[in-house]
């Protein structure tokens, strides 16, 4: 049993080290700076944030898994539609 817990701990340390290396590589590339920061983009992101908050509240109220999955997929579709910059 002790060997299993040591193996799990070693695996966990390895995964954290991998995540840290990937995060550093991701953040060094300044990838996040390529997103637009104008007022129209900010307004669209606010719409999507409010959409997710409202739909999340509806999901909590309904509480049925089939409705939650359906509303989540609908919300993802609407979010992509709102944030699409290829107009």
PDB file of N, CA and C in Angstrom:
ATOM      1  N   UNK A   1       0.817  -1.183   0.000  1.00  0.00           N
ATOM      2  CA  UNK A   1       0.000   0.000   0.000  1.00  0.00           C
ATOM      3  C   UNK A   1       0.870   1.261   0.000  1.00  0.00           C
ATOM      4  N   UNK A   2       1.985   1.177   0.733  1.00  0.00           N
ATOM      5  CA  UNK A   2       2.886   2.326   0.805  1.00  0.00           C
ATOM      6  C   UNK A   2       3.516   2.619  -0.551  1.00  0.00           C
ATOM      7  N   UNK A   3       3.843   1.569  -1.282  1.00  0.00           N
ATOM      8  CA  UNK A   3       4.453   1.746  -2.603  1.00  0.00           C
ATOM      9  C   UNK A   3       3.473   2.423  -3.563  1.00  0.00           C
ATOM     10  N   UNK A   4       2.199   2.095  -3.436  1.00  0.00           N
ATOM     11  CA  UNK A   4       1.190   2.710  -4.293  1.00  0.00           C
ATOM     12  C   UNK A   4       1.067   4.199  -4.001  1.00  0.00           C
ATOM     13  N   UNK A   5       1.054   4.572  -2.730  1.00  0.00           N
ATOM     14  CA  UNK A   5       0.940   5.990  -2.390  1.00  0.00           C
ATOM     15  C   UNK A   5       2.189   6.755  -2.820  1.00  0.00           C
ATOM     16  N   UNK A   6       3.354   6.142  -2.726  1.00  0.00           N
ATOM     17  CA  UNK A   6       4.578   6.797  -3.200  1.00  0.00           C
ATOM     18  C   UNK A   6       4.558   6.960  -4.714  1.00  0.00           C
ATOM     19  N   UNK A   7       4.024   5.972  -5.415  1.00  0.00           N
ATOM     20  CA  UNK A   7       3.923   6.056  -6.871  1.00  0.00           C
ATOM     21  C   UNK A   7       2.964   7.170  -7.274  1.00  0.00           C
ATOM     22  N   UNK A   8       1.849   7.263  -6.577  1.00  0.00           N
ATOM     23  CA  UNK A   8       0.882   8.322  -6.875  1.00  0.00           C
ATOM     24  C   UNK A   8       1.490   9.689  -6.583  1.00  0.00           C
ATOM     25  N   UNK A   9       2.222   9.810  -5.489  1.00  0.00           N
ATOM     26  CA  UNK A   9       2.868  11.082  -5.158  1.00  0.00           C
ATOM     27  C   UNK A   9       3.906  11.449  -6.213  1.00  0.00           C
ATOM     28  N   UNK A  10       4.687  10.475  -6.684  1.00  0.00           N
ATOM     29  CA  UNK A  10       5.681  10.753  -7.723  1.00  0.00           C
ATOM     30  C   UNK A  10       5.009  11.166  -9.027  1.00  0.00           C
ATOM     31  N   UNK A  11       3.924  10.506  -9.371  1.00  0.00           N
ATOM     32  CA  UNK A  11       3.183  10.863 -10.579  1.00  0.00           C
ATOM     33  C   UNK A  11       2.612  12.267 -10.465  1.00  0.00           C
ATOM     34  N   UNK A  12       2.101  12.607  -9.299  1.00  0.00           N
ATOM     35  CA  UNK A  12       1.540  13.938  -9.081  1.00  0.00           C
ATOM     36  C   UNK A  12       2.630  15.006  -9.222  1.00  0.00           C
ATOM     37  N   UNK A  13       3.809  14.770  -8.627  1.00  0.00           N
ATOM     38  CA  UNK A  13       4.913  15.728  -8.764  1.00  0.00           C
ATOM     39  C   UNK A  13       5.329  15.874 -10.221  1.00  0.00           C
ATOM     40  N   UNK A  14       5.361  14.771 -10.967  1.00  0.00           N
ATOM     41  CA  UNK A  14       5.730  14.827 -12.377  1.00  0.00           C
ATOM     42  C   UNK A  14       4.720  15.643 -13.178  1.00  0.00           C
ATOM     43  N   UNK A  15       3.423  15.431 -12.901  1.00  0.00           N
ATOM     44  CA  UNK A  15       2.391  16.183 -13.613  1.00  0.00           C
ATOM     45  C   UNK A  15       2.454  17.673 -13.296  1.00  0.00           C
ATOM     46  N   UNK A  16       2.711  18.009 -12.041  1.00  0.00           N
ATOM     47  CA  UNK A  16       2.845  19.428 -11.684  1.00  0.00           C
ATOM     48  C   UNK A  16       4.045  20.064 -12.373  1.00  0.00           C
ATOM     49  N   UNK A  17       5.162  19.346 -12.440  1.00  0.00           N
ATOM     50  CA  UNK A  17       6.336  19.869 -13.125  1.00  0.00           C
ATOM     51  C   UNK A  17       6.059  20.057 -14.618  1.00  0.00           C
ATOM     52  N   UNK A  18       5.368  19.104 -15.223  1.00  0.00           N
ATOM     53  CA  UNK A  18       5.009  19.221 -16.633  1.00  0.00           C
ATOM     54  C   UNK A  18       4.095  20.419 -16.869  1.00  0.00           C
ATOM     55  N   UNK A  19       3.081  20.565 -16.014  1.00  0.00           N
ATOM     56  CA  UNK A  19       2.164  21.698 -16.141  1.00  0.00           C
ATOM     57  C   UNK A  19       2.914  23.011 -15.999  1.00  0.00           C
ATOM     58  N   UNK A  20       3.841  23.083 -15.043  1.00  0.00           N
ATOM     59  CA  UNK A  20       4.597  24.315 -14.841  1.00  0.00           C
ATOM     60  C   UNK A  20       5.450  24.648 -16.057  1.00  0.00           C
ATOM     61  N   UNK A  21       6.108  23.647 -16.644  1.00  0.00           N
ATOM     62  CA  UNK A  21       6.913  23.904 -17.848  1.00  0.00           C
ATOM     63  C   UNK A  21       6.042  24.380 -19.001  1.00  0.00           C
ATOM     64  N   UNK A  22       4.900  23.743 -19.186  1.00  0.00           N
ATOM     65  CA  UNK A  22       4.014  24.158 -20.277  1.00  0.00           C
ATOM     66  C   UNK A  22       3.476  25.552 -20.049  1.00  0.00           C
ATOM     67  N   UNK A  23       3.130  25.881 -18.819  1.00  0.00           N
ATOM     68  CA  UNK A  23       2.605  27.208 -18.515  1.00  0.00           C
ATOM     69  C   UNK A  23       3.668  28.276 -18.763  1.00  0.00           C
ATOM     70  N   UNK A  24       4.895  28.008 -18.377  1.00  0.00           N
ATOM     71  CA  UNK A  24       5.955  28.982 -18.611  1.00  0.00           C
ATOM     72  C   UNK A  24       6.174  29.196 -20.095  1.00  0.00           C
ATOM     73  N   UNK A  25       6.163  28.111 -20.876  1.00  0.00           N
ATOM     74  CA  UNK A  25       6.335  28.232 -22.316  1.00  0.00           C
ATOM     75  C   UNK A  25       5.176  29.013 -22.927  1.00  0.00           C
ATOM     76  N   UNK A  26       3.970  28.751 -22.462  1.00  0.00           N
ATOM     77  CA  UNK A  26       2.780  29.435 -22.965  1.00  0.00           C
ATOM     78  C   UNK A  26       2.837  30.922 -22.645  1.00  0.00           C
ATOM     79  N   UNK A  27       3.213  31.264 -21.417  1.00  0.00           N
ATOM     80  CA  UNK A  27       3.197  32.665 -21.013  1.00  0.00           C
ATOM     81  C   UNK A  27       4.363  33.442 -21.620  1.00  0.00           C
ATOM     82  N   UNK A  28       5.468  32.784 -21.926  1.00  0.00           N
ATOM     83  CA  UNK A  28       6.598  33.484 -22.523  1.00  0.00           C
ATOM     84  C   UNK A  28       6.298  33.951 -23.934  1.00  0.00           C
ATOM     85  N   UNK A  29       5.412  33.270 -24.605  1.00  0.00           N
ATOM     86  CA  UNK A  29       5.121  33.626 -25.996  1.00  0.00           C
ATOM     87  C   UNK A  29       4.193  34.822 -26.118  1.00  0.00           C
ATOM     88  N   UNK A  30       3.720  35.332 -25.023  1.00  0.00           N
ATOM     89  CA  UNK A  30       2.798  36.477 -25.022  1.00  0.00           C
ATOM     90  C   UNK A  30       1.562  36.179 -25.866  1.00  0.00           C
ATOM     91  N   UNK A  31       1.122  34.942 -25.769  1.00  0.00           N
ATOM     92  CA  UNK A  31      -0.022  34.501 -26.566  1.00  0.00           C
ATOM     93  C   UNK A  31      -1.276  35.285 -26.223  1.00  0.00           C
ATOM     94  N   UNK A  32      -1.444  35.588 -24.954  1.00  0.00           N
ATOM     95  CA  UNK A  32      -2.671  36.251 -24.534  1.00  0.00           C
ATOM     96  C   UNK A  32      -2.768  37.681 -25.028  1.00  0.00           C
ATOM     97  N   UNK A  33      -1.650  38.296 -25.410  1.00  0.00           N
ATOM     98  CA  UNK A  33      -1.679  39.678 -25.855  1.00  0.00           C
ATOM     99  C   UNK A  33      -2.241  39.840 -27.261  1.00  0.00           C
ATOM    100  N   UNK A  34      -2.402  38.752 -27.977  1.00  0.00           N
ATOM    101  CA  UNK A  34      -2.902  38.886 -29.341  1.00  0.00           C
ATOM    102  C   UNK A  34      -4.409  39.099 -29.391  1.00  0.00           C
ATOM    103  N   UNK A  35      -5.092  38.869 -28.276  1.00  0.00           N
ATOM    104  CA  UNK A  35      -6.533  39.101 -28.266  1.00  0.00           C
ATOM    105  C   UNK A  35      -6.805  40.587 -28.212  1.00  0.00           C
ATOM    106  N   UNK A  36      -7.873  40.971 -28.836  1.00  0.00           N
ATOM    107  CA  UNK A  36      -8.199  42.389 -28.931  1.00  0.00           C
ATOM    108  C   UNK A  36      -8.647  42.936 -27.585  1.00  0.00           C
ATOM    109  N   UNK A  37      -8.314  44.193 -27.365  1.00  0.00           N
ATOM    110  CA  UNK A  37      -8.690  44.821 -26.109  1.00  0.00           C
ATOM    111  C   UNK A  37      -9.508  46.081 -26.336  1.00  0.00           C
ATOM    112  N   UNK A  38     -10.137  46.214 -27.518  1.00  0.00           N
ATOM    113  CA  UNK A  38     -10.949  47.379 -27.809  1.00  0.00           C
ATOM    114  C   UNK A  38     -12.278  47.347 -27.088  1.00  0.00           C
ATOM    115  N   UNK A  39     -13.026  48.439 -27.225  1.00  0.00           N
ATOM    116  CA  UNK A  39     -14.296  48.543 -26.507  1.00  0.00           C
ATOM    117  C   UNK A  39     -15.337  47.565 -27.050  1.00  0.00           C
ATOM    118  N   UNK A  40     -15.333  47.311 -28.352  1.00  0.00           N
ATOM    119  CA  UNK A  40     -16.317  46.372 -28.897  1.00  0.00           C
ATOM    120  C   UNK A  40     -16.011  44.945 -28.450  1.00  0.00           C
ATOM    121  N   UNK A  41     -14.720  44.596 -28.396  1.00  0.00           N
ATOM    122  CA  UNK A  41     -14.354  43.261 -27.916  1.00  0.00           C
ATOM    123  C   UNK A  41     -14.695  43.100 -26.445  1.00  0.00           C
ATOM    124  N   UNK A  42     -14.443  44.138 -25.666  1.00  0.00           N
ATOM    125  CA  UNK A  42     -14.767  44.089 -24.244  1.00  0.00           C
ATOM    126  C   UNK A  42     -16.278  43.951 -24.045  1.00  0.00           C
ATOM    127  N   UNK A  43     -17.042  44.663 -24.861  1.00  0.00           N
ATOM    128  CA  UNK A  43     -18.504  44.589 -24.757  1.00  0.00           C
ATOM    129  C   UNK A  43     -18.992  43.181 -25.107  1.00  0.00           C
ATOM    130  N   UNK A  44     -18.412  42.572 -26.137  1.00  0.00           N
ATOM    131  CA  UNK A  44     -18.797  41.198 -26.492  1.00  0.00           C
ATOM    132  C   UNK A  44     -18.425  40.212 -25.394  1.00  0.00           C
ATOM    133  N   UNK A  45     -17.219  40.376 -24.811  1.00  0.00           N
ATOM    134  CA  UNK A  45     -16.831  39.492 -23.707  1.00  0.00           C
ATOM    135  C   UNK A  45     -17.753  39.657 -22.512  1.00  0.00           C
ATOM    136  N   UNK A  46     -18.198  40.892 -22.247  1.00  0.00           N
ATOM    137  CA  UNK A  46     -19.161  41.112 -21.161  1.00  0.00           C
ATOM    138  C   UNK A  46     -20.489  40.426 -21.452  1.00  0.00           C
ATOM    139  N   UNK A  47     -20.922  40.462 -22.709  1.00  0.00           N
ATOM    140  CA  UNK A  47     -22.156  39.757 -23.094  1.00  0.00           C
ATOM    141  C   UNK A  47     -22.013  38.259 -22.821  1.00  0.00           C
ATOM    142  N   UNK A  48     -20.882  37.705 -23.223  1.00  0.00           N
ATOM    143  CA  UNK A  48     -20.662  36.262 -23.039  1.00  0.00           C
ATOM    144  C   UNK A  48     -20.592  35.930 -21.551  1.00  0.00           C
ATOM    145  N   UNK A  49     -19.929  36.775 -20.770  1.00  0.00           N
ATOM    146  CA  UNK A  49     -19.856  36.540 -19.324  1.00  0.00           C
ATOM    147  C   UNK A  49     -21.252  36.540 -18.714  1.00  0.00           C
ATOM    148  N   UNK A  50     -22.058  37.529 -19.081  1.00  0.00           N
ATOM    149  CA  UNK A  50     -23.421  37.593 -18.549  1.00  0.00           C
ATOM    150  C   UNK A  50     -24.264  36.421 -19.031  1.00  0.00           C
ATOM    151  N   UNK A  51     -24.067  36.006 -20.276  1.00  0.00           N
ATOM    152  CA  UNK A  51     -24.783  34.846 -20.801  1.00  0.00           C
ATOM    153  C   UNK A  51     -24.463  33.597 -19.978  1.00  0.00           C
ATOM    154  N   UNK A  52     -23.180  33.385 -19.688  1.00  0.00           N
ATOM    155  CA  UNK A  52     -22.780  32.220 -18.898  1.00  0.00           C
ATOM    156  C   UNK A  52     -23.320  32.292 -17.477  1.00  0.00           C
ATOM    157  N   UNK A  53     -23.333  33.483 -16.892  1.00  0.00           N
ATOM    158  CA  UNK A  53     -23.873  33.615 -15.542  1.00  0.00           C
ATOM    159  C   UNK A  53     -25.369  33.298 -15.505  1.00  0.00           C
ATOM    160  N   UNK A  54     -26.100  33.804 -16.479  1.00  0.00           N
ATOM    161  CA  UNK A  54     -27.544  33.552 -16.531  1.00  0.00           C
ATOM    162  C   UNK A  54     -27.821  32.078 -16.785  1.00  0.00           C
ATOM    163  N   UNK A  55     -27.138  31.506 -17.777  1.00  0.00           N
ATOM    164  CA  UNK A  55     -27.368  30.093 -18.087  1.00  0.00           C
ATOM    165  C   UNK A  55     -26.905  29.186 -16.950  1.00  0.00           C
ATOM    166  N   UNK A  56     -25.838  29.567 -16.253  1.00  0.00           N
ATOM    167  CA  UNK A  56     -25.396  28.796 -15.098  1.00  0.00           C
ATOM    168  C   UNK A  56     -26.444  28.809 -13.999  1.00  0.00           C
ATOM    169  N   UNK A  57     -27.070  29.964 -13.787  1.00  0.00           N
ATOM    170  CA  UNK A  57     -28.159  30.038 -12.812  1.00  0.00           C
ATOM    171  C   UNK A  57     -29.339  29.177 -13.212  1.00  0.00           C
ATOM    172  N   UNK A  58     -29.675  29.206 -14.507  1.00  0.00           N
ATOM    173  CA  UNK A  58     -30.772  28.360 -14.997  1.00  0.00           C
ATOM    174  C   UNK A  58     -30.431  26.887 -14.817  1.00  0.00           C
ATOM    175  N   UNK A  59     -29.172  26.527 -15.097  1.00  0.00           N
ATOM    176  CA  UNK A  59     -28.745  25.130 -14.927  1.00  0.00           C
ATOM    177  C   UNK A  59     -28.865  24.694 -13.474  1.00  0.00           C
ATOM    178  N   UNK A  60     -28.503  25.584 -12.551  1.00  0.00           N
ATOM    179  CA  UNK A  60     -28.618  25.246 -11.134  1.00  0.00           C
ATOM    180  C   UNK A  60     -30.073  25.102 -10.702  1.00  0.00           C
ATOM    181  N   UNK A  61     -30.936  25.920 -11.270  1.00  0.00           N
ATOM    182  CA  UNK A  61     -32.353  25.852 -10.911  1.00  0.00           C
ATOM    183  C   UNK A  61     -32.981  24.578 -11.453  1.00  0.00           C
ATOM    184  N   UNK A  62     -32.697  24.254 -12.721  1.00  0.00           N
ATOM    185  CA  UNK A  62     -33.317  23.086 -13.350  1.00  0.00           C
ATOM    186  C   UNK A  62     -32.798  21.803 -12.702  1.00  0.00           C
ATOM    187  N   UNK A  63     -31.495  21.610 -12.679  1.00  0.00           N
ATOM    188  CA  UNK A  63     -30.895  20.494 -11.985  1.00  0.00           C
ATOM    189  C   UNK A  63     -31.008  19.127 -12.638  1.00  0.00           C
ATOM    190  N   UNK A  64     -31.505  19.041 -13.860  1.00  0.00           N
ATOM    191  CA  UNK A  64     -31.556  17.758 -14.557  1.00  0.00           C
ATOM    192  C   UNK A  64     -30.382  17.688 -15.528  1.00  0.00           C
ATOM    193  N   UNK A  65     -29.700  16.553 -15.517  1.00  0.00           N
ATOM    194  CA  UNK A  65     -28.472  16.422 -16.294  1.00  0.00           C
ATOM    195  C   UNK A  65     -28.702  16.644 -17.784  1.00  0.00           C
ATOM    196  N   UNK A  66     -29.794  16.142 -18.309  1.00  0.00           N
ATOM    197  CA  UNK A  66     -30.046  16.306 -19.748  1.00  0.00           C
ATOM    198  C   UNK A  66     -30.236  17.787 -20.102  1.00  0.00           C
ATOM    199  N   UNK A  67     -30.921  18.532 -19.252  1.00  0.00           N
ATOM    200  CA  UNK A  67     -31.097  19.956 -19.505  1.00  0.00           C
ATOM    201  C   UNK A  67     -29.790  20.717 -19.326  1.00  0.00           C
ATOM    202  N   UNK A  68     -28.998  20.320 -18.346  1.00  0.00           N
ATOM    203  CA  UNK A  68     -27.722  21.004 -18.102  1.00  0.00           C
ATOM    204  C   UNK A  68     -26.795  20.834 -19.296  1.00  0.00           C
ATOM    205  N   UNK A  69     -26.700  19.618 -19.813  1.00  0.00           N
ATOM    206  CA  UNK A  69     -25.831  19.370 -20.970  1.00  0.00           C
ATOM    207  C   UNK A  69     -26.347  20.139 -22.187  1.00  0.00           C
ATOM    208  N   UNK A  70     -27.639  20.116 -22.412  1.00  0.00           N
ATOM    209  CA  UNK A  70     -28.211  20.846 -23.546  1.00  0.00           C
ATOM    210  C   UNK A  70     -27.984  22.346 -23.442  1.00  0.00           C
ATOM    211  N   UNK A  71     -28.206  22.904 -22.254  1.00  0.00           N
ATOM    212  CA  UNK A  71     -27.992  24.341 -22.071  1.00  0.00           C
ATOM    213  C   UNK A  71     -26.514  24.699 -22.186  1.00  0.00           C
ATOM    214  N   UNK A  72     -25.640  23.821 -21.705  1.00  0.00           N
ATOM    215  CA  UNK A  72     -24.202  24.087 -21.822  1.00  0.00           C
ATOM    216  C   UNK A  72     -23.773  24.106 -23.287  1.00  0.00           C
ATOM    217  N   UNK A  73     -24.258  23.151 -24.065  1.00  0.00           N
ATOM    218  CA  UNK A  73     -23.909  23.130 -25.495  1.00  0.00           C
ATOM    219  C   UNK A  73     -24.473  24.352 -26.218  1.00  0.00           C
ATOM    220  N   UNK A  74     -25.699  24.734 -25.882  1.00  0.00           N
ATOM    221  CA  UNK A  74     -26.293  25.931 -26.480  1.00  0.00           C
ATOM    222  C   UNK A  74     -25.492  27.171 -26.100  1.00  0.00           C
ATOM    223  N   UNK A  75     -25.064  27.255 -24.852  1.00  0.00           N
ATOM    224  CA  UNK A  75     -24.300  28.411 -24.395  1.00  0.00           C
ATOM    225  C   UNK A  75     -22.935  28.476 -25.063  1.00  0.00           C
ATOM    226  N   UNK A  76     -22.305  27.338 -25.259  1.00  0.00           N
ATOM    227  CA  UNK A  76     -21.015  27.318 -25.967  1.00  0.00           C
ATOM    228  C   UNK A  76     -21.205  27.811 -27.397  1.00  0.00           C
ATOM    229  N   UNK A  77     -22.251  27.329 -28.060  1.00  0.00           N
ATOM    230  CA  UNK A  77     -22.523  27.760 -29.432  1.00  0.00           C
ATOM    231  C   UNK A  77     -22.768  29.262 -29.490  1.00  0.00           C
ATOM    232  N   UNK A  78     -23.599  29.769 -28.585  1.00  0.00           N
ATOM    233  CA  UNK A  78     -23.885  31.205 -28.577  1.00  0.00           C
ATOM    234  C   UNK A  78     -22.634  32.021 -28.252  1.00  0.00           C
ATOM    235  N   UNK A  79     -21.788  31.517 -27.353  1.00  0.00           N
ATOM    236  CA  UNK A  79     -20.555  32.230 -27.013  1.00  0.00           C
ATOM    237  C   UNK A  79     -19.639  32.333 -28.219  1.00  0.00           C
ATOM    238  N   UNK A  80     -19.467  31.214 -28.938  1.00  0.00           N
ATOM    239  CA  UNK A  80     -18.636  31.262 -30.133  1.00  0.00           C
ATOM    240  C   UNK A  80     -19.233  32.196 -31.188  1.00  0.00           C
ATOM    241  N   UNK A  81     -20.552  32.201 -31.300  1.00  0.00           N
ATOM    242  CA  UNK A  81     -21.198  33.059 -32.269  1.00  0.00           C
ATOM    243  C   UNK A  81     -21.000  34.529 -31.928  1.00  0.00           C
ATOM    244  N   UNK A  82     -21.105  34.875 -30.654  1.00  0.00           N
ATOM    245  CA  UNK A  82     -20.944  36.258 -30.230  1.00  0.00           C
ATOM    246  C   UNK A  82     -19.493  36.707 -30.383  1.00  0.00           C
ATOM    247  N   UNK A  83     -18.558  35.850 -30.003  1.00  0.00           N
ATOM    248  CA  UNK A  83     -17.148  36.235 -30.018  1.00  0.00           C
ATOM    249  C   UNK A  83     -16.473  36.097 -31.383  1.00  0.00           C
ATOM    250  N   UNK A  84     -17.191  35.598 -32.377  1.00  0.00           N
ATOM    251  CA  UNK A  84     -16.599  35.409 -33.698  1.00  0.00           C
ATOM    252  C   UNK A  84     -16.183  36.751 -34.285  1.00  0.00           C
ATOM    253  N   UNK A  85     -14.928  36.851 -34.676  1.00  0.00           N
ATOM    254  CA  UNK A  85     -14.415  38.082 -35.252  1.00  0.00           C
ATOM    255  C   UNK A  85     -14.262  38.005 -36.756  1.00  0.00           C
ATOM    256  N   UNK A  86     -14.759  36.966 -37.380  1.00  0.00           N
ATOM    257  CA  UNK A  86     -14.591  36.787 -38.807  1.00  0.00           C
ATOM    258  C   UNK A  86     -15.693  37.432 -39.626  1.00  0.00           C
ATOM    259  N   UNK A  87     -16.272  38.464 -39.122  1.00  0.00           N
ATOM    260  CA  UNK A  87     -17.385  39.117 -39.841  1.00  0.00           C
ATOM    261  C   UNK A  87     -16.889  39.926 -40.998  1.00  0.00           C
TER     262      UNK A  87
END
